[in-house]
Each structure stands twice: as C-alpha cells, then as structure tokens.
Amino acid sequence: MKKRIFAAMLAVLMLAVALTACSGKGESYTYSAKVTVSCESILEDMSVISEEKQALVPTDGYFLKDVTVGFNEGESAFTVLERALKDNKLHFEHDSAYIKGIGNIYTFDAGDMSGWLFKVNGEYGDVGLDQTVLSDGDELLVFYACDFMTDM
C-alpha cells in the first residue's frame, strides 16, 4: 500500500515538473515593452481586401493593443514581437525578419503597396526589426499600411 501511495505521489510530482517545464511562463525578464499590432488602416476602406480577408480584420483594428512583453538586454524588436504574438496565440509568418503576415493578413493583400511596418516610440526605424534593440519601457507599434506611400 505504501508503495502505491509513493508511486502515485511521484507520478503527480513528475507531471507537475513536466507541465512547468513546458509552459515557458516561468521565464523572467529584466525589461518590458508595450507591443501593439494594428491593421486599422484597412478599416478605412474594407474594399481594399477580399471578402474572406475582411472577416479576419478585428472590429477595432487591433490584433494586440498595449500588451506588455518582457525581454532581456540585447533582444531585438523582432524577438519581442514574435514573443508577443506567440504568447497571444496569433498567426505570424515571416521570412527571416521580414513580416509576411500577421493574423493571416499578408503583404500585398490590400494592393501592390501594402504590408507591415513598425515604429518604436512613434519613430520609424533606420534598420529592420531584427536589428532594432529595445530599451525598457519602449512602445513597439507594428501596423499594416494599405499604401506605403500615404500611410507612413
């Protein structure tokens, strides 16, 4: 009887350890940033995308809004974005650090000049997301532009 109780307790303990190890939620970070992912430009004229894509656009235009994401020194804005999307179970497709699609809204879905851009603290970056290093408290905005020339 004691062996069964011991075996059951050991099994429960092993399960708890396995679940904790797999969750990834136990990670600790030194810094945090606010991440927003928007496609609200599409709401201005829904006719720019196909009907099936229209159903994917959030009613308020935001996939994420002011979500706090932890990161450590030296991590890129791309890594922080990827973590935010993964933590919130949002579709993300990229080629290296080039954003192809978020939430199944892709570059060129709204025309030849459409796609994903980003700003940090309201400013466009001089380099790509993968080379942009965030500081504690930064605000990362990733947004869909229906026309790169006019939505910037």
C-alpha atoms as a PDB file:
ATOM      1  CA  MET A   1       0.000   0.000   0.000  1.00  0.00           C
ATOM      2  CA  LYS A   2       2.842   2.408   0.867  1.00  0.00           C
ATOM      3  CA  LYS A   3       4.492   1.671  -2.475  1.00  0.00           C
ATOM      4  CA  ARG A   4       1.295   2.589  -4.354  1.00  0.00           C
ATOM      5  CA  ILE A   5       0.916   5.865  -2.469  1.00  0.00           C
ATOM      6  CA  PHE A   6       4.588   6.674  -3.053  1.00  0.00           C
ATOM      7  CA  ALA A   7       4.299   5.807  -6.761  1.00  0.00           C
ATOM      8  CA  ALA A   8       1.165   7.949  -7.142  1.00  0.00           C
ATOM      9  CA  MET A   9       2.793  10.906  -5.377  1.00  0.00           C
ATOM     10  CA  LEU A  10       5.907  10.533  -7.519  1.00  0.00           C
ATOM     11  CA  ALA A  11       3.794  10.439 -10.691  1.00  0.00           C
ATOM     12  CA  VAL A  12       1.946  13.616  -9.667  1.00  0.00           C
ATOM     13  CA  LEU A  13       5.230  15.355  -8.863  1.00  0.00           C
ATOM     14  CA  MET A  14       6.743  14.343 -12.218  1.00  0.00           C
ATOM     15  CA  LEU A  15       3.653  15.580 -14.064  1.00  0.00           C
ATOM     16  CA  ALA A  16       3.813  18.933 -12.259  1.00  0.00           C
ATOM     17  CA  VAL A  17       7.501  19.340 -13.124  1.00  0.00           C
ATOM     18  CA  ALA A  18       6.863  18.419 -16.771  1.00  0.00           C
ATOM     19  CA  LEU A  19       3.983  20.887 -17.099  1.00  0.00           C
ATOM     20  CA  THR A  20       6.029  23.679 -15.534  1.00  0.00           C
ATOM     21  CA  ALA A  21       8.971  22.999 -17.827  1.00  0.00           C
ATOM     22  CA  CYS A  22       6.795  23.013 -20.952  1.00  0.00           C
ATOM     23  CA  SER A  23       4.762  26.118 -20.187  1.00  0.00           C
ATOM     24  CA  GLY A  24       7.526  28.675 -20.738  1.00  0.00           C
ATOM     25  CA  LYS A  25       5.630  31.036 -18.440  1.00  0.00           C
ATOM     26  CA  GLY A  26       8.281  30.691 -15.740  1.00  0.00           C
ATOM     27  CA  GLU A  27      10.768  32.795 -17.687  1.00  0.00           C
ATOM     28  CA  SER A  28      11.839  36.031 -16.091  1.00  0.00           C
ATOM     29  CA  TYR A  29      12.820  39.153 -17.945  1.00  0.00           C
ATOM     30  CA  THR A  30      14.684  42.261 -16.901  1.00  0.00           C
ATOM     31  CA  TYR A  31      12.811  44.737 -19.098  1.00  0.00           C
ATOM     32  CA  SER A  32       9.394  45.190 -20.644  1.00  0.00           C
ATOM     33  CA  ALA A  33       7.909  46.935 -23.651  1.00  0.00           C
ATOM     34  CA  LYS A  34       4.387  47.661 -24.824  1.00  0.00           C
ATOM     35  CA  VAL A  35       3.504  45.972 -28.110  1.00  0.00           C
ATOM     36  CA  THR A  36       0.640  46.969 -30.381  1.00  0.00           C
ATOM     37  CA  VAL A  37      -0.219  45.245 -33.658  1.00  0.00           C
ATOM     38  CA  SER A  38      -2.710  47.159 -35.761  1.00  0.00           C
ATOM     39  CA  CYS A  39      -4.392  46.780 -39.118  1.00  0.00           C
ATOM     40  CA  GLU A  40      -6.809  49.643 -38.546  1.00  0.00           C
ATOM     41  CA  SER A  41      -5.829  51.255 -41.864  1.00  0.00           C
ATOM     42  CA  ILE A  42      -7.850  48.509 -43.567  1.00  0.00           C
ATOM     43  CA  LEU A  43     -10.966  49.647 -41.677  1.00  0.00           C
ATOM     44  CA  GLU A  44     -10.819  52.971 -43.533  1.00  0.00           C
ATOM     45  CA  ASP A  45     -11.716  51.163 -46.776  1.00  0.00           C
ATOM     46  CA  MET A  46     -12.532  47.471 -46.397  1.00  0.00           C
ATOM     47  CA  SER A  47     -12.920  47.151 -50.154  1.00  0.00           C
ATOM     48  CA  VAL A  48      -9.120  47.114 -50.487  1.00  0.00           C
ATOM     49  CA  ILE A  49      -9.055  43.447 -49.431  1.00  0.00           C
ATOM     50  CA  SER A  50     -11.056  40.375 -50.394  1.00  0.00           C
ATOM     51  CA  GLU A  51     -14.233  39.450 -48.530  1.00  0.00           C
ATOM     52  CA  GLU A  52     -12.641  36.397 -46.890  1.00  0.00           C
ATOM     53  CA  LYS A  53      -9.795  38.594 -45.602  1.00  0.00           C
ATOM     54  CA  GLN A  54     -12.266  41.212 -44.350  1.00  0.00           C
ATOM     55  CA  ALA A  55     -13.561  38.643 -41.859  1.00  0.00           C
ATOM     56  CA  LEU A  56     -10.032  38.410 -40.378  1.00  0.00           C
ATOM     57  CA  VAL A  57      -9.751  42.122 -39.580  1.00  0.00           C
ATOM     58  CA  PRO A  58     -10.513  42.758 -35.890  1.00  0.00           C
ATOM     59  CA  THR A  59     -13.501  45.061 -35.466  1.00  0.00           C
ATOM     60  CA  ASP A  60     -11.369  47.624 -33.619  1.00  0.00           C
ATOM     61  CA  GLY A  61      -8.405  47.143 -35.977  1.00  0.00           C
ATOM     62  CA  TYR A  62      -6.055  45.694 -33.335  1.00  0.00           C
ATOM     63  CA  PHE A  63      -4.623  42.206 -33.085  1.00  0.00           C
ATOM     64  CA  LEU A  64      -2.813  43.367 -29.927  1.00  0.00           C
ATOM     65  CA  LYS A  65      -3.109  46.668 -28.097  1.00  0.00           C
ATOM     66  CA  ASP A  66      -0.617  47.825 -25.456  1.00  0.00           C
ATOM     67  CA  VAL A  67       0.375  44.296 -24.449  1.00  0.00           C
ATOM     68  CA  THR A  68       3.276  44.232 -22.002  1.00  0.00           C
ATOM     69  CA  VAL A  69       6.026  41.883 -23.131  1.00  0.00           C
ATOM     70  CA  GLY A  70       9.151  41.005 -21.179  1.00  0.00           C
ATOM     71  CA  PHE A  71      12.595  40.871 -22.720  1.00  0.00           C
ATOM     72  CA  ASN A  72      16.248  40.850 -21.770  1.00  0.00           C
ATOM     73  CA  GLU A  73      19.078  43.169 -22.699  1.00  0.00           C
ATOM     74  CA  GLY A  74      20.098  42.927 -26.333  1.00  0.00           C
ATOM     75  CA  GLU A  75      16.951  41.211 -27.606  1.00  0.00           C
ATOM     76  CA  SER A  76      15.672  42.595 -30.889  1.00  0.00           C
ATOM     77  CA  ALA A  77      12.286  44.154 -31.521  1.00  0.00           C
ATOM     78  CA  PHE A  78      11.626  41.195 -33.822  1.00  0.00           C
ATOM     79  CA  THR A  79      12.135  38.749 -30.952  1.00  0.00           C
ATOM     80  CA  VAL A  80       9.836  40.794 -28.716  1.00  0.00           C
ATOM     81  CA  LEU A  81       7.150  40.907 -31.425  1.00  0.00           C
ATOM     82  CA  GLU A  82       7.476  37.178 -32.021  1.00  0.00           C
ATOM     83  CA  ARG A  83       7.115  36.506 -28.275  1.00  0.00           C
ATOM     84  CA  ALA A  84       4.031  38.750 -28.025  1.00  0.00           C
ATOM     85  CA  LEU A  85       2.333  37.021 -30.942  1.00  0.00           C
ATOM     86  CA  LYS A  86       3.204  33.538 -29.706  1.00  0.00           C
ATOM     87  CA  ASP A  87       2.052  34.298 -26.151  1.00  0.00           C
ATOM     88  CA  ASN A  88      -1.261  35.530 -27.559  1.00  0.00           C
ATOM     89  CA  LYS A  89      -1.582  32.615 -29.999  1.00  0.00           C
ATOM     90  CA  LEU A  90      -1.653  34.834 -33.082  1.00  0.00           C
ATOM     91  CA  HIS A  91      -0.641  33.645 -36.534  1.00  0.00           C
ATOM     92  CA  PHE A  92       2.761  35.010 -37.580  1.00  0.00           C
ATOM     93  CA  GLU A  93       4.555  34.266 -40.808  1.00  0.00           C
ATOM     94  CA  HIS A  94       7.926  35.715 -41.680  1.00  0.00           C
ATOM     95  CA  ASP A  95      10.925  35.195 -43.906  1.00  0.00           C
ATOM     96  CA  SER A  96      13.912  35.795 -41.683  1.00  0.00           C
ATOM     97  CA  ALA A  97      12.904  39.100 -40.067  1.00  0.00           C
ATOM     98  CA  TYR A  98      10.629  40.233 -42.895  1.00  0.00           C
ATOM     99  CA  ILE A  99       6.980  40.129 -41.791  1.00  0.00           C
ATOM    100  CA  LYS A 100       4.908  38.321 -44.396  1.00  0.00           C
ATOM    101  CA  GLY A 101       1.691  38.057 -42.398  1.00  0.00           C
ATOM    102  CA  ILE A 102       0.070  38.528 -39.011  1.00  0.00           C
ATOM    103  CA  GLY A 103      -3.384  37.173 -38.254  1.00  0.00           C
ATOM    104  CA  ASN A 104      -3.470  35.862 -41.843  1.00  0.00           C
ATOM    105  CA  ILE A 105      -3.303  39.404 -43.219  1.00  0.00           C
ATOM    106  CA  TYR A 106      -0.364  39.393 -45.636  1.00  0.00           C
ATOM    107  CA  THR A 107       1.801  41.838 -47.508  1.00  0.00           C
ATOM    108  CA  PHE A 108       0.049  42.779 -50.773  1.00  0.00           C
ATOM    109  CA  ASP A 109      -3.408  41.676 -49.518  1.00  0.00           C
ATOM    110  CA  ALA A 110      -4.521  45.306 -49.831  1.00  0.00           C
ATOM    111  CA  GLY A 111      -2.649  46.107 -53.037  1.00  0.00           C
ATOM    112  CA  ASP A 112       0.841  46.344 -54.505  1.00  0.00           C
ATOM    113  CA  MET A 113       1.974  48.931 -51.956  1.00  0.00           C
ATOM    114  CA  SER A 114       0.609  47.248 -48.814  1.00  0.00           C
ATOM    115  CA  GLY A 115       2.387  45.476 -45.981  1.00  0.00           C
ATOM    116  CA  TRP A 116       3.634  45.555 -42.414  1.00  0.00           C
ATOM    117  CA  LEU A 117       5.676  48.466 -40.992  1.00  0.00           C
ATOM    118  CA  PHE A 118       6.856  49.366 -37.500  1.00  0.00           C
ATOM    119  CA  LYS A 119       7.643  52.277 -35.214  1.00  0.00           C
ATOM    120  CA  VAL A 120       9.378  52.416 -31.851  1.00  0.00           C
ATOM    121  CA  ASN A 121       8.183  55.216 -29.601  1.00  0.00           C
ATOM    122  CA  GLY A 122       6.443  56.840 -32.564  1.00  0.00           C
ATOM    123  CA  GLU A 123       9.528  56.874 -34.794  1.00  0.00           C
ATOM    124  CA  TYR A 124      10.283  54.768 -37.855  1.00  0.00           C
ATOM    125  CA  GLY A 125      13.423  52.691 -37.513  1.00  0.00           C
ATOM    126  CA  ASP A 126      16.605  53.189 -39.502  1.00  0.00           C
ATOM    127  CA  VAL A 127      17.132  49.426 -39.603  1.00  0.00           C
ATOM    128  CA  GLY A 128      14.934  46.330 -39.620  1.00  0.00           C
ATOM    129  CA  LEU A 129      13.076  44.823 -36.672  1.00  0.00           C
ATOM    130  CA  ASP A 130      15.821  42.242 -36.203  1.00  0.00           C
ATOM    131  CA  GLN A 131      18.451  44.972 -35.773  1.00  0.00           C
ATOM    132  CA  THR A 132      16.342  47.277 -33.617  1.00  0.00           C
ATOM    133  CA  VAL A 133      17.186  46.844 -29.942  1.00  0.00           C
ATOM    134  CA  LEU A 134      14.526  47.944 -27.495  1.00  0.00           C
ATOM    135  CA  SER A 135      15.016  49.664 -24.158  1.00  0.00           C
ATOM    136  CA  ASP A 136      12.935  49.217 -21.032  1.00  0.00           C
ATOM    137  CA  GLY A 137       9.555  50.908 -21.406  1.00  0.00           C
ATOM    138  CA  ASP A 138       9.689  51.273 -25.194  1.00  0.00           C
ATOM    139  CA  GLU A 139       6.497  51.101 -27.245  1.00  0.00           C
ATOM    140  CA  LEU A 140       6.609  48.948 -30.358  1.00  0.00           C
ATOM    141  CA  LEU A 141       3.879  49.533 -32.925  1.00  0.00           C
ATOM    142  CA  VAL A 142       3.621  47.102 -35.828  1.00  0.00           C
ATOM    143  CA  PHE A 143       1.000  48.229 -38.298  1.00  0.00           C
ATOM    144  CA  TYR A 144      -0.436  47.326 -41.658  1.00  0.00           C
ATOM    145  CA  ALA A 145      -0.133  50.015 -44.310  1.00  0.00           C
ATOM    146  CA  CYS A 146      -2.521  49.774 -47.250  1.00  0.00           C
ATOM    147  CA  ASP A 147      -0.207  52.092 -49.190  1.00  0.00           C
ATOM    148  CA  PHE A 148       3.378  52.578 -48.042  1.00  0.00           C
ATOM    149  CA  MET A 149       3.478  55.977 -49.728  1.00  0.00           C
ATOM    150  CA  THR A 150       0.464  57.505 -47.964  1.00  0.00           C
ATOM    151  CA  ASP A 151       0.140  55.513 -44.712  1.00  0.00           C
ATOM    152  CA  MET A 152       3.563  56.492 -43.395  1.00  0.00           C
END
